[in-house]
Amino acid sequence: PLSDSECDVTENWCEASGDEDAQVTAFFDHRREEFEGAGLDVFWGDR
């Protein structure tokens, strides 16, 4: 897939499947979203 980013999720895969021999990568799309920070500050970031 085309993606905005990716990360390793091998640990999650091992827990779910019991298969410790595989390397697993997750692919992500990003969308802009408002986030609420400390003190109720609102800012834009990527989800």
ModelCIF file with pLDDT and N, C-alpha, C, O atoms, coordinates in Angstrom:
data_MODEL
#
_entry.id   MODEL 
#
_entity.id                         1 
_entity.type                       polymer 
_entity.pdbx_number_of_molecules   1 
#
_entity_poly.entity_id                      1 
_entity_poly.type                           'polypeptide(L)' 
_entity_poly.nstd_linkage                   no 
_entity_poly.nstd_monomer                   no 
_entity_poly.pdbx_seq_one_letter_code       PLSDSECDVTENWCEASGDEDAQVTAFFDHRREEFEGAGLDVFWGDR 
_entity_poly.pdbx_seq_one_letter_code_can   PLSDSECDVTENWCEASGDEDAQVTAFFDHRREEFEGAGLDVFWGDR 
_entity_poly.pdbx_strand_id                 A 
#
loop_
_entity_poly_seq.entity_id 
_entity_poly_seq.num 
_entity_poly_seq.mon_id 
_entity_poly_seq.hetero 
1 1  PRO n 
1 2  LEU n 
1 3  SER n 
1 4  ASP n 
1 5  SER n 
1 6  GLU n 
1 7  CYS n 
1 8  ASP n 
1 9  VAL n 
1 10 THR n 
1 11 GLU n 
1 12 ASN n 
1 13 TRP n 
1 14 CYS n 
1 15 GLU n 
1 16 ALA n 
1 17 SER n 
1 18 GLY n 
1 19 ASP n 
1 20 GLU n 
1 21 ASP n 
1 22 ALA n 
1 23 GLN n 
1 24 VAL n 
1 25 THR n 
1 26 ALA n 
1 27 PHE n 
1 28 PHE n 
1 29 ASP n 
1 30 HIS n 
1 31 ARG n 
1 32 ARG n 
1 33 GLU n 
1 34 GLU n 
1 35 PHE n 
1 36 GLU n 
1 37 GLY n 
1 38 ALA n 
1 39 GLY n 
1 40 LEU n 
1 41 ASP n 
1 42 VAL n 
1 43 PHE n 
1 44 TRP n 
1 45 GLY n 
1 46 ASP n 
1 47 ARG n 
#
_struct_asym.id          A 
_struct_asym.entity_id   1 
#
loop_
_ma_qa_metric.id 
_ma_qa_metric.mode 
_ma_qa_metric.name 
_ma_qa_metric.software_group_id 
_ma_qa_metric.type 
1 global pLDDT . pLDDT 
2 local  pLDDT . pLDDT 
#
_ma_qa_metric_global.metric_id      1 
_ma_qa_metric_global.metric_value   86.98 
_ma_qa_metric_global.model_id       1 
_ma_qa_metric_global.ordinal_id     1 
#
loop_
_ma_qa_metric_local.label_asym_id 
_ma_qa_metric_local.label_comp_id 
_ma_qa_metric_local.label_seq_id 
_ma_qa_metric_local.metric_id 
_ma_qa_metric_local.metric_value 
_ma_qa_metric_local.model_id 
_ma_qa_metric_local.ordinal_id 
A PRO 1  2 82.00 1 1  
A LEU 2  2 83.00 1 2  
A SER 3  2 91.00 1 3  
A ASP 4  2 93.00 1 4  
A SER 5  2 95.00 1 5  
A GLU 6  2 94.00 1 6  
A CYS 7  2 94.00 1 7  
A ASP 8  2 95.00 1 8  
A VAL 9  2 94.00 1 9  
A THR 10 2 93.00 1 10 
A GLU 11 2 92.00 1 11 
A ASN 12 2 89.00 1 12 
A TRP 13 2 89.00 1 13 
A CYS 14 2 89.00 1 14 
A GLU 15 2 88.00 1 15 
A ALA 16 2 86.00 1 16 
A SER 17 2 86.00 1 17 
A GLY 18 2 87.00 1 18 
A ASP 19 2 87.00 1 19 
A GLU 20 2 89.00 1 20 
A ASP 21 2 91.00 1 21 
A ALA 22 2 92.00 1 22 
A GLN 23 2 94.00 1 23 
A VAL 24 2 94.00 1 24 
A THR 25 2 95.00 1 25 
A ALA 26 2 95.00 1 26 
A PHE 27 2 96.00 1 27 
A PHE 28 2 96.00 1 28 
A ASP 29 2 95.00 1 29 
A HIS 30 2 95.00 1 30 
A ARG 31 2 92.00 1 31 
A ARG 32 2 90.00 1 32 
A GLU 33 2 87.00 1 33 
A GLU 34 2 83.00 1 34 
A PHE 35 2 76.00 1 35 
A GLU 36 2 76.00 1 36 
A GLY 37 2 68.00 1 37 
A ALA 38 2 67.00 1 38 
A GLY 39 2 68.00 1 39 
A LEU 40 2 67.00 1 40 
A ASP 41 2 76.00 1 41 
A VAL 42 2 74.00 1 42 
A PHE 43 2 75.00 1 43 
A TRP 44 2 83.00 1 44 
A GLY 45 2 86.00 1 45 
A ASP 46 2 90.00 1 46 
A ARG 47 2 91.00 1 47 
#
loop_
_atom_site.group_PDB 
_atom_site.id 
_atom_site.type_symbol 
_atom_site.label_atom_id 
_atom_site.label_alt_id 
_atom_site.label_comp_id 
_atom_site.label_asym_id 
_atom_site.label_entity_id 
_atom_site.label_seq_id 
_atom_site.pdbx_PDB_ins_code 
_atom_site.Cartn_x 
_atom_site.Cartn_y 
_atom_site.Cartn_z 
_atom_site.occupancy 
_atom_site.B_iso_or_equiv 
_atom_site.pdbx_formal_charge 
_atom_site.auth_seq_id 
_atom_site.auth_comp_id 
_atom_site.auth_asym_id 
_atom_site.auth_atom_id 
_atom_site.pdbx_PDB_model_num 
ATOM 1   N N  . PRO A 1 1  ? 0.811  -1.214  0.000  1.00 82.00 ? 1  PRO A N  1 
ATOM 2   C CA . PRO A 1 1  ? 0.000  0.000   0.000  1.00 82.00 ? 1  PRO A CA 1 
ATOM 3   C C  . PRO A 1 1  ? 0.850  1.272   0.000  1.00 82.00 ? 1  PRO A C  1 
ATOM 4   O O  . PRO A 1 1  ? 1.980  1.283   0.488  1.00 82.00 ? 1  PRO A O  1 
ATOM 5   N N  . LEU A 1 2  ? 0.286  2.327   -0.551 1.00 83.00 ? 2  LEU A N  1 
ATOM 6   C CA . LEU A 1 2  ? 0.859  3.656   -0.370 1.00 83.00 ? 2  LEU A CA 1 
ATOM 7   C C  . LEU A 1 2  ? 0.475  4.080   1.039  1.00 83.00 ? 2  LEU A C  1 
ATOM 8   O O  . LEU A 1 2  ? -0.631 3.787   1.493  1.00 83.00 ? 2  LEU A O  1 
ATOM 9   N N  . SER A 1 3  ? 1.367  4.759   1.729  1.00 91.00 ? 3  SER A N  1 
ATOM 10  C CA . SER A 1 3  ? 1.048  5.162   3.096  1.00 91.00 ? 3  SER A CA 1 
ATOM 11  C C  . SER A 1 3  ? 1.798  6.429   3.460  1.00 91.00 ? 3  SER A C  1 
ATOM 12  O O  . SER A 1 3  ? 2.800  6.785   2.841  1.00 91.00 ? 3  SER A O  1 
ATOM 13  N N  . ASP A 1 4  ? 1.281  7.105   4.489  1.00 93.00 ? 4  ASP A N  1 
ATOM 14  C CA . ASP A 1 4  ? 1.954  8.291   5.009  1.00 93.00 ? 4  ASP A CA 1 
ATOM 15  C C  . ASP A 1 4  ? 3.088  7.917   5.953  1.00 93.00 ? 4  ASP A C  1 
ATOM 16  O O  . ASP A 1 4  ? 4.068  8.653   6.071  1.00 93.00 ? 4  ASP A O  1 
ATOM 17  N N  . SER A 1 5  ? 2.957  6.768   6.630  1.00 95.00 ? 5  SER A N  1 
ATOM 18  C CA . SER A 1 5  ? 4.002  6.309   7.550  1.00 95.00 ? 5  SER A CA 1 
ATOM 19  C C  . SER A 1 5  ? 3.811  4.821   7.822  1.00 95.00 ? 5  SER A C  1 
ATOM 20  O O  . SER A 1 5  ? 2.816  4.216   7.423  1.00 95.00 ? 5  SER A O  1 
ATOM 21  N N  . GLU A 1 6  ? 4.789  4.257   8.511  1.00 94.00 ? 6  GLU A N  1 
ATOM 22  C CA . GLU A 1 6  ? 4.722  2.848   8.884  1.00 94.00 ? 6  GLU A CA 1 
ATOM 23  C C  . GLU A 1 6  ? 5.494  2.633   10.175 1.00 94.00 ? 6  GLU A C  1 
ATOM 24  O O  . GLU A 1 6  ? 6.335  3.451   10.548 1.00 94.00 ? 6  GLU A O  1 
ATOM 25  N N  . CYS A 1 7  ? 5.205  1.527   10.856 1.00 94.00 ? 7  CYS A N  1 
ATOM 26  C CA . CYS A 1 7  ? 5.948  1.175   12.062 1.00 94.00 ? 7  CYS A CA 1 
ATOM 27  C C  . CYS A 1 7  ? 5.914  -0.330  12.271 1.00 94.00 ? 7  CYS A C  1 
ATOM 28  O O  . CYS A 1 7  ? 5.059  -1.024  11.720 1.00 94.00 ? 7  CYS A O  1 
ATOM 29  N N  . ASP A 1 8  ? 6.841  -0.826  13.065 1.00 95.00 ? 8  ASP A N  1 
ATOM 30  C CA . ASP A 1 8  ? 6.955  -2.241  13.368 1.00 95.00 ? 8  ASP A CA 1 
ATOM 31  C C  . ASP A 1 8  ? 5.907  -2.638  14.411 1.00 95.00 ? 8  ASP A C  1 
ATOM 32  O O  . ASP A 1 8  ? 5.794  -1.994  15.454 1.00 95.00 ? 8  ASP A O  1 
ATOM 33  N N  . VAL A 1 9  ? 5.142  -3.694  14.131 1.00 94.00 ? 9  VAL A N  1 
ATOM 34  C CA . VAL A 1 9  ? 4.160  -4.211  15.091 1.00 94.00 ? 9  VAL A CA 1 
ATOM 35  C C  . VAL A 1 9  ? 4.368  -5.710  15.314 1.00 94.00 ? 9  VAL A C  1 
ATOM 36  O O  . VAL A 1 9  ? 3.421  -6.444  15.598 1.00 94.00 ? 9  VAL A O  1 
ATOM 37  N N  . THR A 1 10 ? 5.617  -6.149  15.182 1.00 93.00 ? 10 THR A N  1 
ATOM 38  C CA . THR A 1 10 ? 5.937  -7.563  15.329 1.00 93.00 ? 10 THR A CA 1 
ATOM 39  C C  . THR A 1 10 ? 5.529  -8.093  16.697 1.00 93.00 ? 10 THR A C  1 
ATOM 40  O O  . THR A 1 10 ? 5.024  -9.210  16.803 1.00 93.00 ? 10 THR A O  1 
ATOM 41  N N  . GLU A 1 11 ? 5.741  -7.311  17.731 1.00 92.00 ? 11 GLU A N  1 
ATOM 42  C CA . GLU A 1 11 ? 5.386  -7.754  19.088 1.00 92.00 ? 11 GLU A CA 1 
ATOM 43  C C  . GLU A 1 11 ? 3.891  -8.034  19.198 1.00 92.00 ? 11 GLU A C  1 
ATOM 44  O O  . GLU A 1 11 ? 3.484  -9.044  19.773 1.00 92.00 ? 11 GLU A O  1 
ATOM 45  N N  . ASN A 1 12 ? 3.066  -7.128  18.640 1.00 89.00 ? 12 ASN A N  1 
ATOM 46  C CA . ASN A 1 12 ? 1.619  -7.338  18.665 1.00 89.00 ? 12 ASN A CA 1 
ATOM 47  C C  . ASN A 1 12 ? 1.235  -8.598  17.883 1.00 89.00 ? 12 ASN A C  1 
ATOM 48  O O  . ASN A 1 12 ? 0.357  -9.356  18.294 1.00 89.00 ? 12 ASN A O  1 
ATOM 49  N N  . TRP A 1 13 ? 1.908  -8.804  16.751 1.00 89.00 ? 13 TRP A N  1 
ATOM 50  C CA . TRP A 1 13 ? 1.660  -9.990  15.938 1.00 89.00 ? 13 TRP A CA 1 
ATOM 51  C C  . TRP A 1 13 ? 1.991  -11.259 16.715 1.00 89.00 ? 13 TRP A C  1 
ATOM 52  O O  . TRP A 1 13 ? 1.209  -12.210 16.710 1.00 89.00 ? 13 TRP A O  1 
ATOM 53  N N  . CYS A 1 14 ? 3.138  -11.281 17.382 1.00 89.00 ? 14 CYS A N  1 
ATOM 54  C CA . CYS A 1 14 ? 3.551  -12.463 18.146 1.00 89.00 ? 14 CYS A CA 1 
ATOM 55  C C  . CYS A 1 14 ? 2.542  -12.796 19.235 1.00 89.00 ? 14 CYS A C  1 
ATOM 56  O O  . CYS A 1 14 ? 2.224  -13.965 19.454 1.00 89.00 ? 14 CYS A O  1 
ATOM 57  N N  . GLU A 1 15 ? 2.039  -11.772 19.918 1.00 88.00 ? 15 GLU A N  1 
ATOM 58  C CA . GLU A 1 15 ? 1.050  -11.988 20.976 1.00 88.00 ? 15 GLU A CA 1 
ATOM 59  C C  . GLU A 1 15 ? -0.248 -12.551 20.419 1.00 88.00 ? 15 GLU A C  1 
ATOM 60  O O  . GLU A 1 15 ? -0.859 -13.422 21.038 1.00 88.00 ? 15 GLU A O  1 
ATOM 61  N N  . ALA A 1 16 ? -0.681 -12.062 19.246 1.00 86.00 ? 16 ALA A N  1 
ATOM 62  C CA . ALA A 1 16 ? -1.952 -12.493 18.664 1.00 86.00 ? 16 ALA A CA 1 
ATOM 63  C C  . ALA A 1 16 ? -1.872 -13.858 17.996 1.00 86.00 ? 16 ALA A C  1 
ATOM 64  O O  . ALA A 1 16 ? -2.828 -14.632 18.047 1.00 86.00 ? 16 ALA A O  1 
ATOM 65  N N  . SER A 1 17 ? -0.736 -14.160 17.368 1.00 86.00 ? 17 SER A N  1 
ATOM 66  C CA . SER A 1 17 ? -0.647 -15.369 16.543 1.00 86.00 ? 17 SER A CA 1 
ATOM 67  C C  . SER A 1 17 ? 0.222  -16.468 17.122 1.00 86.00 ? 17 SER A C  1 
ATOM 68  O O  . SER A 1 17 ? 0.060  -17.637 16.772 1.00 86.00 ? 17 SER A O  1 
ATOM 69  N N  . GLY A 1 18 ? 1.142  -16.107 18.005 1.00 87.00 ? 18 GLY A N  1 
ATOM 70  C CA . GLY A 1 18 ? 2.106  -17.077 18.508 1.00 87.00 ? 18 GLY A CA 1 
ATOM 71  C C  . GLY A 1 18 ? 3.246  -17.327 17.534 1.00 87.00 ? 18 GLY A C  1 
ATOM 72  O O  . GLY A 1 18 ? 4.144  -18.114 17.831 1.00 87.00 ? 18 GLY A O  1 
ATOM 73  N N  . ASP A 1 19 ? 3.229  -16.678 16.385 1.00 87.00 ? 19 ASP A N  1 
ATOM 74  C CA . ASP A 1 19 ? 4.251  -16.826 15.344 1.00 87.00 ? 19 ASP A CA 1 
ATOM 75  C C  . ASP A 1 19 ? 5.378  -15.839 15.632 1.00 87.00 ? 19 ASP A C  1 
ATOM 76  O O  . ASP A 1 19 ? 5.217  -14.632 15.447 1.00 87.00 ? 19 ASP A O  1 
ATOM 77  N N  . GLU A 1 20 ? 6.520  -16.357 16.087 1.00 89.00 ? 20 GLU A N  1 
ATOM 78  C CA . GLU A 1 20 ? 7.637  -15.487 16.447 1.00 89.00 ? 20 GLU A CA 1 
ATOM 79  C C  . GLU A 1 20 ? 8.669  -15.352 15.331 1.00 89.00 ? 20 GLU A C  1 
ATOM 80  O O  . GLU A 1 20 ? 9.683  -14.676 15.510 1.00 89.00 ? 20 GLU A O  1 
ATOM 81  N N  . ASP A 1 21 ? 8.430  -15.977 14.200 1.00 91.00 ? 21 ASP A N  1 
ATOM 82  C CA . ASP A 1 21 ? 9.397  -15.941 13.103 1.00 91.00 ? 21 ASP A CA 1 
ATOM 83  C C  . ASP A 1 21 ? 9.149  -14.815 12.111 1.00 91.00 ? 21 ASP A C  1 
ATOM 84  O O  . ASP A 1 21 ? 10.017 -14.528 11.286 1.00 91.00 ? 21 ASP A O  1 
ATOM 85  N N  . ALA A 1 22 ? 8.010  -14.183 12.168 1.00 92.00 ? 22 ALA A N  1 
ATOM 86  C CA . ALA A 1 22 ? 7.651  -13.161 11.186 1.00 92.00 ? 22 ALA A CA 1 
ATOM 87  C C  . ALA A 1 22 ? 8.042  -11.759 11.653 1.00 92.00 ? 22 ALA A C  1 
ATOM 88  O O  . ALA A 1 22 ? 8.096  -11.479 12.850 1.00 92.00 ? 22 ALA A O  1 
ATOM 89  N N  . GLN A 1 23 ? 8.309  -10.898 10.694 1.00 94.00 ? 23 GLN A N  1 
ATOM 90  C CA . GLN A 1 23 ? 8.506  -9.464  10.926 1.00 94.00 ? 23 GLN A CA 1 
ATOM 91  C C  . GLN A 1 23 ? 7.253  -8.781  10.374 1.00 94.00 ? 23 GLN A C  1 
ATOM 92  O O  . GLN A 1 23 ? 6.896  -8.995  9.215  1.00 94.00 ? 23 GLN A O  1 
ATOM 93  N N  . VAL A 1 24 ? 6.578  -7.958  11.190 1.00 94.00 ? 24 VAL A N  1 
ATOM 94  C CA . VAL A 1 24 ? 5.300  -7.382  10.772 1.00 94.00 ? 24 VAL A CA 1 
ATOM 95  C C  . VAL A 1 24 ? 5.367  -5.859  10.836 1.00 94.00 ? 24 VAL A C  1 
ATOM 96  O O  . VAL A 1 24 ? 5.780  -5.279  11.840 1.00 94.00 ? 24 VAL A O  1 
ATOM 97  N N  . THR A 1 25 ? 4.953  -5.232  9.747  1.00 95.00 ? 25 THR A N  1 
ATOM 98  C CA . THR A 1 25 ? 4.946  -3.773  9.614  1.00 95.00 ? 25 THR A CA 1 
ATOM 99  C C  . THR A 1 25 ? 3.521  -3.304  9.397  1.00 95.00 ? 25 THR A C  1 
ATOM 100 O O  . THR A 1 25 ? 2.775  -3.899  8.619  1.00 95.00 ? 25 THR A O  1 
ATOM 101 N N  . ALA A 1 26 ? 3.141  -2.233  10.088 1.00 95.00 ? 26 ALA A N  1 
ATOM 102 C CA . ALA A 1 26 ? 1.824  -1.615  9.895  1.00 95.00 ? 26 ALA A CA 1 
ATOM 103 C C  . ALA A 1 26 ? 1.987  -0.352  9.057  1.00 95.00 ? 26 ALA A C  1 
ATOM 104 O O  . ALA A 1 26 ? 2.956  0.389   9.218  1.00 95.00 ? 26 ALA A O  1 
ATOM 105 N N  . PHE A 1 27 ? 1.034  -0.117  8.165  1.00 96.00 ? 27 PHE A N  1 
ATOM 106 C CA . PHE A 1 27 ? 1.021  1.066   7.305  1.00 96.00 ? 27 PHE A CA 1 
ATOM 107 C C  . PHE A 1 27 ? -0.135 1.962   7.717  1.00 96.00 ? 27 PHE A C  1 
ATOM 108 O O  . PHE A 1 27 ? -1.219 1.489   8.056  1.00 96.00 ? 27 PHE A O  1 
ATOM 109 N N  . PHE A 1 28 ? 0.117  3.274   7.683  1.00 96.00 ? 28 PHE A N  1 
ATOM 110 C CA . PHE A 1 28 ? -0.866 4.235   8.172  1.00 96.00 ? 28 PHE A CA 1 
ATOM 111 C C  . PHE A 1 28 ? -1.103 5.366   7.175  1.00 96.00 ? 28 PHE A C  1 
ATOM 112 O O  . PHE A 1 28 ? -0.187 5.806   6.479  1.00 96.00 ? 28 PHE A O  1 
ATOM 113 N N  . ASP A 1 29 ? -2.350 5.825   7.122  1.00 95.00 ? 29 ASP A N  1 
ATOM 114 C CA . ASP A 1 29 ? -2.687 7.103   6.497  1.00 95.00 ? 29 ASP A CA 1 
ATOM 115 C C  . ASP A 1 29 ? -2.845 8.096   7.630  1.00 95.00 ? 29 ASP A C  1 
ATOM 116 O O  . ASP A 1 29 ? -3.204 7.721   8.745  1.00 95.00 ? 29 ASP A O  1 
ATOM 117 N N  . HIS A 1 30 ? -2.579 9.357   7.349  1.00 95.00 ? 30 HIS A N  1 
ATOM 118 C CA . HIS A 1 30 ? -2.735 10.406  8.358  1.00 95.00 ? 30 HIS A CA 1 
ATOM 119 C C  . HIS A 1 30 ? -3.896 11.302  7.965  1.00 95.00 ? 30 HIS A C  1 
ATOM 120 O O  . HIS A 1 30 ? -4.113 11.572  6.783  1.00 95.00 ? 30 HIS A O  1 
ATOM 121 N N  . ARG A 1 31 ? -4.642 11.763  8.965  1.00 92.00 ? 31 ARG A N  1 
ATOM 122 C CA . ARG A 1 31 ? -5.665 12.784  8.718  1.00 92.00 ? 31 ARG A CA 1 
ATOM 123 C C  . ARG A 1 31 ? -5.528 13.854  9.789  1.00 92.00 ? 31 ARG A C  1 
ATOM 124 O O  . ARG A 1 31 ? -5.234 13.565  10.949 1.00 92.00 ? 31 ARG A O  1 
ATOM 125 N N  . ARG A 1 32 ? -5.747 15.094  9.377  1.00 90.00 ? 32 ARG A N  1 
ATOM 126 C CA . ARG A 1 32 ? -5.637 16.227  10.307 1.00 90.00 ? 32 ARG A CA 1 
ATOM 127 C C  . ARG A 1 32 ? -6.806 16.198  11.276 1.00 90.00 ? 32 ARG A C  1 
ATOM 128 O O  . ARG A 1 32 ? -7.940 15.907  10.898 1.00 90.00 ? 32 ARG A O  1 
ATOM 129 N N  . GLU A 1 33 ? -6.507 16.506  12.538 1.00 87.00 ? 33 GLU A N  1 
ATOM 130 C CA . GLU A 1 33 ? -7.523 16.456  13.576 1.00 87.00 ? 33 GLU A CA 1 
ATOM 131 C C  . GLU A 1 33 ? -7.156 17.430  14.689 1.00 87.00 ? 33 GLU A C  1 
ATOM 132 O O  . GLU A 1 33 ? -5.980 17.710  14.923 1.00 87.00 ? 33 GLU A O  1 
ATOM 133 N N  . GLU A 1 34 ? -8.171 17.939  15.365 1.00 83.00 ? 34 GLU A N  1 
ATOM 134 C CA . GLU A 1 34 ? -7.932 18.772  16.547 1.00 83.00 ? 34 GLU A CA 1 
ATOM 135 C C  . GLU A 1 34 ? -7.664 17.870  17.739 1.00 83.00 ? 34 GLU A C  1 
ATOM 136 O O  . GLU A 1 34 ? -8.352 16.871  17.946 1.00 83.00 ? 34 GLU A O  1 
ATOM 137 N N  . PHE A 1 35 ? -6.661 18.235  18.515 1.00 76.00 ? 35 PHE A N  1 
ATOM 138 C CA . PHE A 1 35 ? -6.344 17.517  19.741 1.00 76.00 ? 35 PHE A CA 1 
ATOM 139 C C  . PHE A 1 35 ? -6.469 18.489  20.898 1.00 76.00 ? 35 PHE A C  1 
ATOM 140 O O  . PHE A 1 35 ? -6.235 19.689  20.751 1.00 76.00 ? 35 PHE A O  1 
ATOM 141 N N  . GLU A 1 36 ? -6.840 17.953  22.048 1.00 76.00 ? 36 GLU A N  1 
ATOM 142 C CA . GLU A 1 36 ? -6.946 18.770  23.254 1.00 76.00 ? 36 GLU A CA 1 
ATOM 143 C C  . GLU A 1 36 ? -5.756 18.459  24.138 1.00 76.00 ? 36 GLU A C  1 
ATOM 144 O O  . GLU A 1 36 ? -5.558 17.315  24.545 1.00 76.00 ? 36 GLU A O  1 
ATOM 145 N N  . GLY A 1 37 ? -4.959 19.480  24.435 1.00 68.00 ? 37 GLY A N  1 
ATOM 146 C CA . GLY A 1 37 ? -3.768 19.290  25.243 1.00 68.00 ? 37 GLY A CA 1 
ATOM 147 C C  . GLY A 1 37 ? -4.007 19.640  26.696 1.00 68.00 ? 37 GLY A C  1 
ATOM 148 O O  . GLY A 1 37 ? -5.145 19.812  27.132 1.00 68.00 ? 37 GLY A O  1 
ATOM 149 N N  . ALA A 1 38 ? -2.924 19.742  27.433 1.00 67.00 ? 38 ALA A N  1 
ATOM 150 C CA . ALA A 1 38 ? -2.995 20.119  28.848 1.00 67.00 ? 38 ALA A CA 1 
ATOM 151 C C  . ALA A 1 38 ? -3.574 21.523  28.967 1.00 67.00 ? 38 ALA A C  1 
ATOM 152 O O  . ALA A 1 38 ? -3.272 22.391  28.147 1.00 67.00 ? 38 ALA A O  1 
ATOM 153 N N  . GLY A 1 39 ? -4.383 21.745  29.955 1.00 68.00 ? 39 GLY A N  1 
ATOM 154 C CA . GLY A 1 39 ? -4.978 23.061  30.156 1.00 68.00 ? 39 GLY A CA 1 
ATOM 155 C C  . GLY A 1 39 ? -6.039 23.384  29.112 1.00 68.00 ? 39 GLY A C  1 
ATOM 156 O O  . GLY A 1 39 ? -6.357 24.550  28.880 1.00 68.00 ? 39 GLY A O  1 
ATOM 157 N N  . LEU A 1 40 ? -6.584 22.345  28.484 1.00 67.00 ? 40 LEU A N  1 
ATOM 158 C CA . LEU A 1 40 ? -7.623 22.485  27.466 1.00 67.00 ? 40 LEU A CA 1 
ATOM 159 C C  . LEU A 1 40 ? -7.174 23.252  26.236 1.00 67.00 ? 40 LEU A C  1 
ATOM 160 O O  . LEU A 1 40 ? -8.012 23.773  25.500 1.00 67.00 ? 40 LEU A O  1 
ATOM 161 N N  . ASP A 1 41 ? -5.859 23.337  25.993 1.00 76.00 ? 41 ASP A N  1 
ATOM 162 C CA . ASP A 1 41 ? -5.358 23.933  24.762 1.00 76.00 ? 41 ASP A CA 1 
ATOM 163 C C  . ASP A 1 41 ? -5.742 23.026  23.598 1.00 76.00 ? 41 ASP A C  1 
ATOM 164 O O  . ASP A 1 41 ? -5.651 21.802  23.693 1.00 76.00 ? 41 ASP A O  1 
ATOM 165 N N  . VAL A 1 42 ? -6.167 23.638  22.512 1.00 74.00 ? 42 VAL A N  1 
ATOM 166 C CA . VAL A 1 42 ? -6.531 22.875  21.320 1.00 74.00 ? 42 VAL A CA 1 
ATOM 167 C C  . VAL A 1 42 ? -5.486 23.128  20.251 1.00 74.00 ? 42 VAL A C  1 
ATOM 168 O O  . VAL A 1 42 ? -5.082 24.271  20.037 1.00 74.00 ? 42 VAL A O  1 
ATOM 169 N N  . PHE A 1 43 ? -5.041 22.069  19.573 1.00 75.00 ? 43 PHE A N  1 
ATOM 170 C CA . PHE A 1 43 ? -4.068 22.208  18.505 1.00 75.00 ? 43 PHE A CA 1 
ATOM 171 C C  . PHE A 1 43 ? -4.361 21.166  17.430 1.00 75.00 ? 43 PHE A C  1 
ATOM 172 O O  . PHE A 1 43 ? -5.062 20.184  17.676 1.00 75.00 ? 43 PHE A O  1 
ATOM 173 N N  . TRP A 1 44 ? -3.821 21.390  16.248 1.00 83.00 ? 44 TRP A N  1 
ATOM 174 C CA . TRP A 1 44 ? -4.005 20.467  15.131 1.00 83.00 ? 44 TRP A CA 1 
ATOM 175 C C  . TRP A 1 44 ? -2.835 19.503  15.061 1.00 83.00 ? 44 TRP A C  1 
ATOM 176 O O  . TRP A 1 44 ? -1.689 19.887  15.295 1.00 83.00 ? 44 TRP A O  1 
ATOM 177 N N  . GLY A 1 45 ? -3.121 18.270  14.744 1.00 86.00 ? 45 GLY A N  1 
ATOM 178 C CA . GLY A 1 45 ? -2.098 17.257  14.556 1.00 86.00 ? 45 GLY A CA 1 
ATOM 179 C C  . GLY A 1 45 ? -2.597 16.203  13.596 1.00 86.00 ? 45 GLY A C  1 
ATOM 180 O O  . GLY A 1 45 ? -3.687 16.325  13.038 1.00 86.00 ? 45 GLY A O  1 
ATOM 181 N N  . ASP A 1 46 ? -1.806 15.177  13.405 1.00 90.00 ? 46 ASP A N  1 
ATOM 182 C CA . ASP A 1 46 ? -2.174 14.088  12.508 1.00 90.00 ? 46 ASP A CA 1 
ATOM 183 C C  . ASP A 1 46 ? -2.625 12.877  13.306 1.00 90.00 ? 46 ASP A C  1 
ATOM 184 O O  . ASP A 1 46 ? -1.986 12.496  14.286 1.00 90.00 ? 46 ASP A O  1 
ATOM 185 N N  . ARG A 1 47 ? -3.722 12.278  12.886 1.00 91.00 ? 47 ARG A N  1 
ATOM 186 C CA . ARG A 1 47 ? -4.224 11.032  13.471 1.00 91.00 ? 47 ARG A CA 1 
ATOM 187 C C  . ARG A 1 47 ? -3.815 9.898   12.539 1.00 91.00 ? 47 ARG A C  1 
ATOM 188 O O  . ARG A 1 47 ? -4.121 8.737   12.809 1.00 91.00 ? 47 ARG A O  1 
#
